[in-house]
Amino acid sequence: PEDLVLYALYSGRKYPLAKVKAFLDHLISGLKELN
């Protein structure tokens, strides 16, 4: 079967909003700590 994937989707502007980028960085860092 295809893998189950959790995606983050945000607006297709050239650069994400600062708050979105910071949130994603924090989310990925937190998930890494949980392996």
PDB file of all heavy atoms in Angstrom:
ATOM      1  N   PRO A   1       0.834  -1.213   0.000  1.00  0.00           N
ATOM      2  CA  PRO A   1       0.000   0.000   0.000  1.00  0.00           C
ATOM      3  C   PRO A   1       0.864   1.257   0.000  1.00  0.00           C
ATOM      4  O   PRO A   1       2.007   1.247   0.468  1.00  0.00           O
ATOM      5  CB  PRO A   1      -0.782  -0.115   1.314  1.00  0.00           C
ATOM      6  CG  PRO A   1      -0.673  -1.538   1.731  1.00  0.00           C
ATOM      7  CD  PRO A   1       0.631  -2.031   1.201  1.00  0.00           C
ATOM      8  N   GLU A   2       0.311   2.325  -0.548  1.00  0.00           N
ATOM      9  CA  GLU A   2       0.981   3.610  -0.447  1.00  0.00           C
ATOM     10  C   GLU A   2       1.150   3.984   1.022  1.00  0.00           C
ATOM     11  O   GLU A   2       0.303   3.663   1.862  1.00  0.00           O
ATOM     12  CB  GLU A   2       0.167   4.707  -1.147  1.00  0.00           C
ATOM     13  CG  GLU A   2       0.250   4.687  -2.658  1.00  0.00           C
ATOM     14  CD  GLU A   2       1.519   5.340  -3.180  1.00  0.00           C
ATOM     15  OE1 GLU A   2       2.437   5.615  -2.372  1.00  0.00           O
ATOM     16  OE2 GLU A   2       1.586   5.567  -4.400  1.00  0.00           O
ATOM     17  N   ASP A   3       2.263   4.666   1.346  1.00  0.00           N
ATOM     18  CA  ASP A   3       2.479   5.120   2.714  1.00  0.00           C
ATOM     19  C   ASP A   3       1.400   6.137   3.104  1.00  0.00           C
ATOM     20  O   ASP A   3       0.886   6.885   2.266  1.00  0.00           O
ATOM     21  CB  ASP A   3       3.846   5.792   2.840  1.00  0.00           C
ATOM     22  CG  ASP A   3       4.997   4.834   2.565  1.00  0.00           C
ATOM     23  OD1 ASP A   3       4.780   3.611   2.637  1.00  0.00           O
ATOM     24  OD2 ASP A   3       6.108   5.320   2.276  1.00  0.00           O
ATOM     25  N   LEU A   4       1.079   6.150   4.389  1.00  0.00           N
ATOM     26  CA  LEU A   4       0.218   7.190   4.941  1.00  0.00           C
ATOM     27  C   LEU A   4       1.100   8.385   5.279  1.00  0.00           C
ATOM     28  O   LEU A   4       2.093   8.245   5.998  1.00  0.00           O
ATOM     29  CB  LEU A   4      -0.500   6.689   6.189  1.00  0.00           C
ATOM     30  CG  LEU A   4      -1.421   7.685   6.899  1.00  0.00           C
ATOM     31  CD1 LEU A   4      -2.580   8.077   5.994  1.00  0.00           C
ATOM     32  CD2 LEU A   4      -1.932   7.110   8.205  1.00  0.00           C
ATOM     33  N   VAL A   5       0.760   9.551   4.758  1.00  0.00           N
ATOM     34  CA  VAL A   5       1.603  10.735   4.931  1.00  0.00           C
ATOM     35  C   VAL A   5       0.784  11.870   5.544  1.00  0.00           C
ATOM     36  O   VAL A   5      -0.355  12.115   5.141  1.00  0.00           O
ATOM     37  CB  VAL A   5       2.196  11.198   3.579  1.00  0.00           C
ATOM     38  CG1 VAL A   5       3.097  12.419   3.783  1.00  0.00           C
ATOM     39  CG2 VAL A   5       2.975  10.070   2.914  1.00  0.00           C
ATOM     40  N   LEU A   6       1.365  12.528   6.533  1.00  0.00           N
ATOM     41  CA  LEU A   6       0.781  13.749   7.075  1.00  0.00           C
ATOM     42  C   LEU A   6       1.475  14.927   6.403  1.00  0.00           C
ATOM     43  O   LEU A   6       2.697  15.076   6.493  1.00  0.00           O
ATOM     44  CB  LEU A   6       0.969  13.828   8.592  1.00  0.00           C
ATOM     45  CG  LEU A   6       0.367  15.066   9.264  1.00  0.00           C
ATOM     46  CD1 LEU A   6      -1.156  15.057   9.169  1.00  0.00           C
ATOM     47  CD2 LEU A   6       0.798  15.159  10.730  1.00  0.00           C
ATOM     48  N   TYR A   7       0.685  15.726   5.688  1.00  0.00           N
ATOM     49  CA  TYR A   7       1.219  16.890   4.981  1.00  0.00           C
ATOM     50  C   TYR A   7       0.827  18.178   5.699  1.00  0.00           C
ATOM     51  O   TYR A   7      -0.230  18.264   6.318  1.00  0.00           O
ATOM     52  CB  TYR A   7       0.651  16.963   3.560  1.00  0.00           C
ATOM     53  CG  TYR A   7       1.128  15.885   2.618  1.00  0.00           C
ATOM     54  CD1 TYR A   7       0.337  14.757   2.367  1.00  0.00           C
ATOM     55  CD2 TYR A   7       2.356  15.995   1.962  1.00  0.00           C
ATOM     56  CE1 TYR A   7       0.761  13.770   1.497  1.00  0.00           C
ATOM     57  CE2 TYR A   7       2.788  15.010   1.087  1.00  0.00           C
ATOM     58  CZ  TYR A   7       1.990  13.890   0.859  1.00  0.00           C
ATOM     59  OH  TYR A   7       2.414  12.927  -0.005  1.00  0.00           O
ATOM     60  N   ALA A   8       1.694  19.173   5.560  1.00  0.00           N
ATOM     61  CA  ALA A   8       1.351  20.543   5.951  1.00  0.00           C
ATOM     62  C   ALA A   8       1.163  21.331   4.668  1.00  0.00           C
ATOM     63  O   ALA A   8       2.038  21.324   3.798  1.00  0.00           O
ATOM     64  CB  ALA A   8       2.456  21.156   6.797  1.00  0.00           C
ATOM     65  N   LEU A   9       0.019  21.978   4.531  1.00  0.00           N
ATOM     66  CA  LEU A   9      -0.264  22.788   3.348  1.00  0.00           C
ATOM     67  C   LEU A   9      -0.415  24.240   3.750  1.00  0.00           C
ATOM     68  O   LEU A   9      -1.067  24.548   4.750  1.00  0.00           O
ATOM     69  CB  LEU A   9      -1.540  22.305   2.651  1.00  0.00           C
ATOM     70  CG  LEU A   9      -1.484  20.912   2.028  1.00  0.00           C
ATOM     71  CD1 LEU A   9      -2.028  19.873   3.008  1.00  0.00           C
ATOM     72  CD2 LEU A   9      -2.293  20.872   0.753  1.00  0.00           C
ATOM     73  N   TYR A  10       0.230  25.112   2.970  1.00  0.00           N
ATOM     74  CA  TYR A  10       0.094  26.539   3.225  1.00  0.00           C
ATOM     75  C   TYR A  10       0.034  27.283   1.896  1.00  0.00           C
ATOM     76  O   TYR A  10       0.274  26.703   0.824  1.00  0.00           O
ATOM     77  CB  TYR A  10       1.225  27.071   4.118  1.00  0.00           C
ATOM     78  CG  TYR A  10       2.625  26.821   3.594  1.00  0.00           C
ATOM     79  CD1 TYR A  10       3.249  27.714   2.736  1.00  0.00           C
ATOM     80  CD2 TYR A  10       3.324  25.679   3.977  1.00  0.00           C
ATOM     81  CE1 TYR A  10       4.534  27.487   2.260  1.00  0.00           C
ATOM     82  CE2 TYR A  10       4.620  25.437   3.508  1.00  0.00           C
ATOM     83  CZ  TYR A  10       5.206  26.351   2.656  1.00  0.00           C
ATOM     84  OH  TYR A  10       6.477  26.117   2.181  1.00  0.00           O
ATOM     85  N   SER A  11      -0.284  28.558   1.956  1.00  0.00           N
ATOM     86  CA  SER A  11      -0.512  29.356   0.755  1.00  0.00           C
ATOM     87  C   SER A  11       0.677  29.296  -0.185  1.00  0.00           C
ATOM     88  O   SER A  11       1.836  29.236   0.249  1.00  0.00           O
ATOM     89  CB  SER A  11      -0.791  30.807   1.150  1.00  0.00           C
ATOM     90  OG  SER A  11      -0.898  31.619   0.008  1.00  0.00           O
ATOM     91  N   GLY A  12       0.391  29.317  -1.489  1.00  0.00           N
ATOM     92  CA  GLY A  12       1.441  29.167  -2.490  1.00  0.00           C
ATOM     93  C   GLY A  12       2.214  30.436  -2.782  1.00  0.00           C
ATOM     94  O   GLY A  12       2.813  30.532  -3.842  1.00  0.00           O
ATOM     95  N   ARG A  13       2.231  31.396  -1.884  1.00  0.00           N
ATOM     96  CA  ARG A  13       3.055  32.582  -2.107  1.00  0.00           C
ATOM     97  C   ARG A  13       4.535  32.190  -2.121  1.00  0.00           C
ATOM     98  O   ARG A  13       4.914  31.115  -1.662  1.00  0.00           O
ATOM     99  CB  ARG A  13       2.807  33.626  -1.007  1.00  0.00           C
ATOM    100  CG  ARG A  13       3.051  33.100   0.380  1.00  0.00           C
ATOM    101  CD  ARG A  13       3.030  34.223   1.403  1.00  0.00           C
ATOM    102  NE  ARG A  13       1.779  34.951   1.404  1.00  0.00           N
ATOM    103  CZ  ARG A  13       0.722  34.619   2.118  1.00  0.00           C
ATOM    104  NH1 ARG A  13       0.747  33.524   2.848  1.00  0.00           N
ATOM    105  NH2 ARG A  13      -0.360  35.358   2.101  1.00  0.00           N
ATOM    106  N   LYS A  14       5.387  33.054  -2.635  1.00  0.00           N
ATOM    107  CA  LYS A  14       6.816  32.722  -2.807  1.00  0.00           C
ATOM    108  C   LYS A  14       7.451  32.348  -1.482  1.00  0.00           C
ATOM    109  O   LYS A  14       8.239  31.414  -1.397  1.00  0.00           O
ATOM    110  CB  LYS A  14       7.552  33.916  -3.432  1.00  0.00           C
ATOM    111  CG  LYS A  14       9.014  33.608  -3.767  1.00  0.00           C
ATOM    112  CD  LYS A  14       9.662  34.773  -4.485  1.00  0.00           C
ATOM    113  CE  LYS A  14      11.115  34.465  -4.833  1.00  0.00           C
ATOM    114  NZ  LYS A  14      11.770  35.594  -5.521  1.00  0.00           N
ATOM    115  N   TYR A  15       7.137  33.093  -0.431  1.00  0.00           N
ATOM    116  CA  TYR A  15       7.666  32.790   0.894  1.00  0.00           C
ATOM    117  C   TYR A  15       6.500  32.626   1.864  1.00  0.00           C
ATOM    118  O   TYR A  15       5.551  33.416   1.832  1.00  0.00           O
ATOM    119  CB  TYR A  15       8.576  33.915   1.398  1.00  0.00           C
ATOM    120  CG  TYR A  15       9.756  34.180   0.502  1.00  0.00           C
ATOM    121  CD1 TYR A  15       9.793  35.314  -0.309  1.00  0.00           C
ATOM    122  CD2 TYR A  15      10.825  33.291   0.444  1.00  0.00           C
ATOM    123  CE1 TYR A  15      10.868  35.565  -1.141  1.00  0.00           C
ATOM    124  CE2 TYR A  15      11.904  33.534  -0.388  1.00  0.00           C
ATOM    125  CZ  TYR A  15      11.921  34.675  -1.175  1.00  0.00           C
ATOM    126  OH  TYR A  15      12.980  34.904  -2.001  1.00  0.00           O
ATOM    127  N   PRO A  16       6.538  31.620   2.744  1.00  0.00           N
ATOM    128  CA  PRO A  16       5.456  31.479   3.726  1.00  0.00           C
ATOM    129  C   PRO A  16       5.502  32.618   4.729  1.00  0.00           C
ATOM    130  O   PRO A  16       6.549  33.236   4.942  1.00  0.00           O
ATOM    131  CB  PRO A  16       5.769  30.132   4.398  1.00  0.00           C
ATOM    132  CG  PRO A  16       7.245  29.951   4.224  1.00  0.00           C
ATOM    133  CD  PRO A  16       7.571  30.590   2.902  1.00  0.00           C
ATOM    134  N   LEU A  17       4.364  32.930   5.334  1.00  0.00           N
ATOM    135  CA  LEU A  17       4.348  33.929   6.391  1.00  0.00           C
ATOM    136  C   LEU A  17       5.318  33.525   7.487  1.00  0.00           C
ATOM    137  O   LEU A  17       5.530  32.337   7.748  1.00  0.00           O
ATOM    138  CB  LEU A  17       2.942  34.062   6.963  1.00  0.00           C
ATOM    139  CG  LEU A  17       1.866  34.633   6.035  1.00  0.00           C
ATOM    140  CD1 LEU A  17       0.505  34.527   6.693  1.00  0.00           C
ATOM    141  CD2 LEU A  17       2.179  36.075   5.680  1.00  0.00           C
ATOM    142  N   ALA A  18       5.897  34.508   8.160  1.00  0.00           N
ATOM    143  CA  ALA A  18       6.871  34.228   9.205  1.00  0.00           C
ATOM    144  C   ALA A  18       6.286  33.327  10.289  1.00  0.00           C
ATOM    145  O   ALA A  18       6.949  32.407  10.779  1.00  0.00           O
ATOM    146  CB  ALA A  18       7.366  35.541   9.819  1.00  0.00           C
ATOM    147  N   LYS A  19       5.017  33.573  10.660  1.00  0.00           N
ATOM    148  CA  LYS A  19       4.402  32.770  11.714  1.00  0.00           C
ATOM    149  C   LYS A  19       4.209  31.322  11.253  1.00  0.00           C
ATOM    150  O   LYS A  19       4.325  30.395  12.055  1.00  0.00           O
ATOM    151  CB  LYS A  19       3.055  33.380  12.123  1.00  0.00           C
ATOM    152  CG  LYS A  19       2.028  33.448  10.994  1.00  0.00           C
ATOM    153  CD  LYS A  19       0.764  34.182  11.417  1.00  0.00           C
ATOM    154  CE  LYS A  19      -0.220  34.277  10.247  1.00  0.00           C
ATOM    155  NZ  LYS A  19      -1.433  35.015  10.596  1.00  0.00           N
ATOM    156  N   VAL A  20       3.922  31.117   9.957  1.00  0.00           N
ATOM    157  CA  VAL A  20       3.765  29.759   9.433  1.00  0.00           C
ATOM    158  C   VAL A  20       5.110  29.045   9.414  1.00  0.00           C
ATOM    159  O   VAL A  20       5.213  27.880   9.816  1.00  0.00           O
ATOM    160  CB  VAL A  20       3.142  29.793   8.021  1.00  0.00           C
ATOM    161  CG1 VAL A  20       3.161  28.403   7.389  1.00  0.00           C
ATOM    162  CG2 VAL A  20       1.719  30.322   8.092  1.00  0.00           C
ATOM    163  N   LYS A  21       6.146  29.730   8.946  1.00  0.00           N
ATOM    164  CA  LYS A  21       7.479  29.119   8.900  1.00  0.00           C
ATOM    165  C   LYS A  21       7.943  28.751  10.304  1.00  0.00           C
ATOM    166  O   LYS A  21       8.477  27.658  10.535  1.00  0.00           O
ATOM    167  CB  LYS A  21       8.475  30.073   8.250  1.00  0.00           C
ATOM    168  CG  LYS A  21       9.882  29.482   8.105  1.00  0.00           C
ATOM    169  CD  LYS A  21      10.816  30.459   7.423  1.00  0.00           C
ATOM    170  CE  LYS A  21      12.179  29.811   7.194  1.00  0.00           C
ATOM    171  NZ  LYS A  21      12.806  29.295   8.424  1.00  0.00           N
ATOM    172  N   ALA A  22       7.741  29.661  11.257  1.00  0.00           N
ATOM    173  CA  ALA A  22       8.165  29.392  12.637  1.00  0.00           C
ATOM    174  C   ALA A  22       7.389  28.211  13.213  1.00  0.00           C
ATOM    175  O   ALA A  22       7.951  27.363  13.909  1.00  0.00           O
ATOM    176  CB  ALA A  22       7.961  30.638  13.497  1.00  0.00           C
ATOM    177  N   PHE A  23       6.088  28.151  12.921  1.00  0.00           N
ATOM    178  CA  PHE A  23       5.267  27.044  13.418  1.00  0.00           C
ATOM    179  C   PHE A  23       5.742  25.717  12.836  1.00  0.00           C
ATOM    180  O   PHE A  23       5.866  24.718  13.558  1.00  0.00           O
ATOM    181  CB  PHE A  23       3.800  27.292  13.063  1.00  0.00           C
ATOM    182  CG  PHE A  23       2.863  26.228  13.567  1.00  0.00           C
ATOM    183  CD1 PHE A  23       2.326  26.308  14.842  1.00  0.00           C
ATOM    184  CD2 PHE A  23       2.525  25.146  12.777  1.00  0.00           C
ATOM    185  CE1 PHE A  23       1.462  25.323  15.320  1.00  0.00           C
ATOM    186  CE2 PHE A  23       1.663  24.163  13.224  1.00  0.00           C
ATOM    187  CZ  PHE A  23       1.139  24.246  14.507  1.00  0.00           C
ATOM    188  N   LEU A  24       6.015  25.682  11.530  1.00  0.00           N
ATOM    189  CA  LEU A  24       6.476  24.445  10.893  1.00  0.00           C
ATOM    190  C   LEU A  24       7.830  24.011  11.439  1.00  0.00           C
ATOM    191  O   LEU A  24       8.055  22.825  11.688  1.00  0.00           O
ATOM    192  CB  LEU A  24       6.557  24.636   9.378  1.00  0.00           C
ATOM    193  CG  LEU A  24       5.224  24.635   8.626  1.00  0.00           C
ATOM    194  CD1 LEU A  24       5.445  24.963   7.155  1.00  0.00           C
ATOM    195  CD2 LEU A  24       4.530  23.292   8.770  1.00  0.00           C
ATOM    196  N   ASP A  25       8.727  24.967  11.627  1.00  0.00           N
ATOM    197  CA  ASP A  25      10.049  24.638  12.192  1.00  0.00           C
ATOM    198  C   ASP A  25       9.893  24.039  13.584  1.00  0.00           C
ATOM    199  O   ASP A  25      10.555  23.052  13.937  1.00  0.00           O
ATOM    200  CB  ASP A  25      10.931  25.890  12.259  1.00  0.00           C
ATOM    201  CG  ASP A  25      11.378  26.360  10.876  1.00  0.00           C
ATOM    202  OD1 ASP A  25      11.258  25.568   9.909  1.00  0.00           O
ATOM    203  OD2 ASP A  25      11.833  27.516  10.765  1.00  0.00           O
ATOM    204  N   HIS A  26       9.014  24.633  14.381  1.00  0.00           N
ATOM    205  CA  HIS A  26       8.787  24.138  15.743  1.00  0.00           C
ATOM    206  C   HIS A  26       8.138  22.762  15.708  1.00  0.00           C
ATOM    207  O   HIS A  26       8.504  21.871  16.494  1.00  0.00           O
ATOM    208  CB  HIS A  26       7.888  25.121  16.498  1.00  0.00           C
ATOM    209  CG  HIS A  26       7.636  24.751  17.918  1.00  0.00           C
ATOM    210  ND1 HIS A  26       8.449  25.150  18.961  1.00  0.00           N
ATOM    211  CD2 HIS A  26       6.662  23.977  18.485  1.00  0.00           C
ATOM    212  CE1 HIS A  26       7.986  24.654  20.095  1.00  0.00           C
ATOM    213  NE2 HIS A  26       6.908  23.943  19.840  1.00  0.00           N
ATOM    214  N   LEU A  27       7.187  22.569  14.799  1.00  0.00           N
ATOM    215  CA  LEU A  27       6.495  21.287  14.676  1.00  0.00           C
ATOM    216  C   LEU A  27       7.476  20.174  14.313  1.00  0.00           C
ATOM    217  O   LEU A  27       7.491  19.104  14.940  1.00  0.00           O
ATOM    218  CB  LEU A  27       5.398  21.400  13.615  1.00  0.00           C
ATOM    219  CG  LEU A  27       4.641  20.127  13.240  1.00  0.00           C
ATOM    220  CD1 LEU A  27       3.896  19.565  14.440  1.00  0.00           C
ATOM    221  CD2 LEU A  27       3.675  20.409  12.096  1.00  0.00           C
ATOM    222  N   ILE A  28       8.300  20.415  13.314  1.00  0.00           N
ATOM    223  CA  ILE A  28       9.251  19.389  12.865  1.00  0.00           C
ATOM    224  C   ILE A  28      10.278  19.106  13.948  1.00  0.00           C
ATOM    225  O   ILE A  28      10.642  17.946  14.193  1.00  0.00           O
ATOM    226  CB  ILE A  28       9.922  19.840  11.556  1.00  0.00           C
ATOM    227  CG1 ILE A  28       8.885  19.860  10.435  1.00  0.00           C
ATOM    228  CG2 ILE A  28      11.081  18.917  11.186  1.00  0.00           C
ATOM    229  CD1 ILE A  28       9.367  20.493   9.148  1.00  0.00           C
ATOM    230  N   SER A  29      10.734  20.152  14.643  1.00  0.00           N
ATOM    231  CA  SER A  29      11.687  19.951  15.734  1.00  0.00           C
ATOM    232  C   SER A  29      11.071  19.113  16.852  1.00  0.00           C
ATOM    233  O   SER A  29      11.708  18.199  17.390  1.00  0.00           O
ATOM    234  CB  SER A  29      12.134  21.314  16.281  1.00  0.00           C
ATOM    235  OG  SER A  29      12.974  21.161  17.405  1.00  0.00           O
ATOM    236  N   GLY A  30       9.806  19.409  17.200  1.00  0.00           N
ATOM    237  CA  GLY A  30       9.130  18.649  18.248  1.00  0.00           C
ATOM    238  C   GLY A  30       8.920  17.199  17.874  1.00  0.00           C
ATOM    239  O   GLY A  30       9.063  16.298  18.708  1.00  0.00           O
ATOM    240  N   LEU A  31       8.594  16.953  16.617  1.00  0.00           N
ATOM    241  CA  LEU A  31       8.390  15.575  16.163  1.00  0.00           C
ATOM    242  C   LEU A  31       9.697  14.793  16.127  1.00  0.00           C
ATOM    243  O   LEU A  31       9.721  13.584  16.380  1.00  0.00           O
ATOM    244  CB  LEU A  31       7.730  15.576  14.779  1.00  0.00           C
ATOM    245  CG  LEU A  31       6.298  16.109  14.732  1.00  0.00           C
ATOM    246  CD1 LEU A  31       5.798  16.201  13.305  1.00  0.00           C
ATOM    247  CD2 LEU A  31       5.364  15.216  15.549  1.00  0.00           C
ATOM    248  N   LYS A  32      10.792  15.489  15.814  1.00  0.00           N
ATOM    249  CA  LYS A  32      12.099  14.822  15.844  1.00  0.00           C
ATOM    250  C   LYS A  32      12.443  14.370  17.260  1.00  0.00           C
ATOM    251  O   LYS A  32      12.999  13.288  17.467  1.00  0.00           O
ATOM    252  CB  LYS A  32      13.179  15.758  15.305  1.00  0.00           C
ATOM    253  CG  LYS A  32      13.189  15.870  13.789  1.00  0.00           C
ATOM    254  CD  LYS A  32      14.318  16.772  13.302  1.00  0.00           C
ATOM    255  CE  LYS A  32      14.346  16.831  11.785  1.00  0.00           C
ATOM    256  NZ  LYS A  32      15.407  17.745  11.291  1.00  0.00           N
ATOM    257  N   GLU A  33      12.103  15.188  18.228  1.00  0.00           N
ATOM    258  CA  GLU A  33      12.360  14.815  19.620  1.00  0.00           C
ATOM    259  C   GLU A  33      11.560  13.595  20.029  1.00  0.00           C
ATOM    260  O   GLU A  33      11.970  12.800  20.886  1.00  0.00           O
ATOM    261  CB  GLU A  33      12.033  15.991  20.552  1.00  0.00           C
ATOM    262  CG  GLU A  33      12.994  17.171  20.417  1.00  0.00           C
ATOM    263  CD  GLU A  33      12.647  18.294  21.366  1.00  0.00           C
ATOM    264  OE1 GLU A  33      11.778  18.091  22.238  1.00  0.00           O
ATOM    265  OE2 GLU A  33      13.251  19.385  21.245  1.00  0.00           O
ATOM    266  N   LEU A  34      10.387  13.412  19.386  1.00  0.00           N
ATOM    267  CA  LEU A  34       9.553  12.239  19.663  1.00  0.00           C
ATOM    268  C   LEU A  34       9.890  11.060  18.747  1.00  0.00           C
ATOM    269  O   LEU A  34       9.231  10.012  18.803  1.00  0.00           O
ATOM    270  CB  LEU A  34       8.075  12.606  19.491  1.00  0.00           C
ATOM    271  CG  LEU A  34       7.501  13.654  20.444  1.00  0.00           C
ATOM    272  CD1 LEU A  34       6.081  14.010  20.056  1.00  0.00           C
ATOM    273  CD2 LEU A  34       7.549  13.155  21.885  1.00  0.00           C
ATOM    274  N   ASN A  35      10.914  11.271  17.890  1.00  0.00           N
ATOM    275  CA  ASN A  35      11.333  10.244  16.911  1.00  0.00           C
ATOM    276  C   ASN A  35      10.188   9.856  15.983  1.00  0.00           C
ATOM    277  O   ASN A  35      10.015   8.695  15.617  1.00  0.00           O
ATOM    278  CB  ASN A  35      11.850   8.978  17.636  1.00  0.00           C
ATOM    279  CG  ASN A  35      13.110   9.235  18.421  1.00  0.00           C
ATOM    280  OD1 ASN A  35      14.013   9.918  17.944  1.00  0.00           O
ATOM    281  ND2 ASN A  35      13.173   8.704  19.634  1.00  0.00           N
TER     282      ASN A  35
END
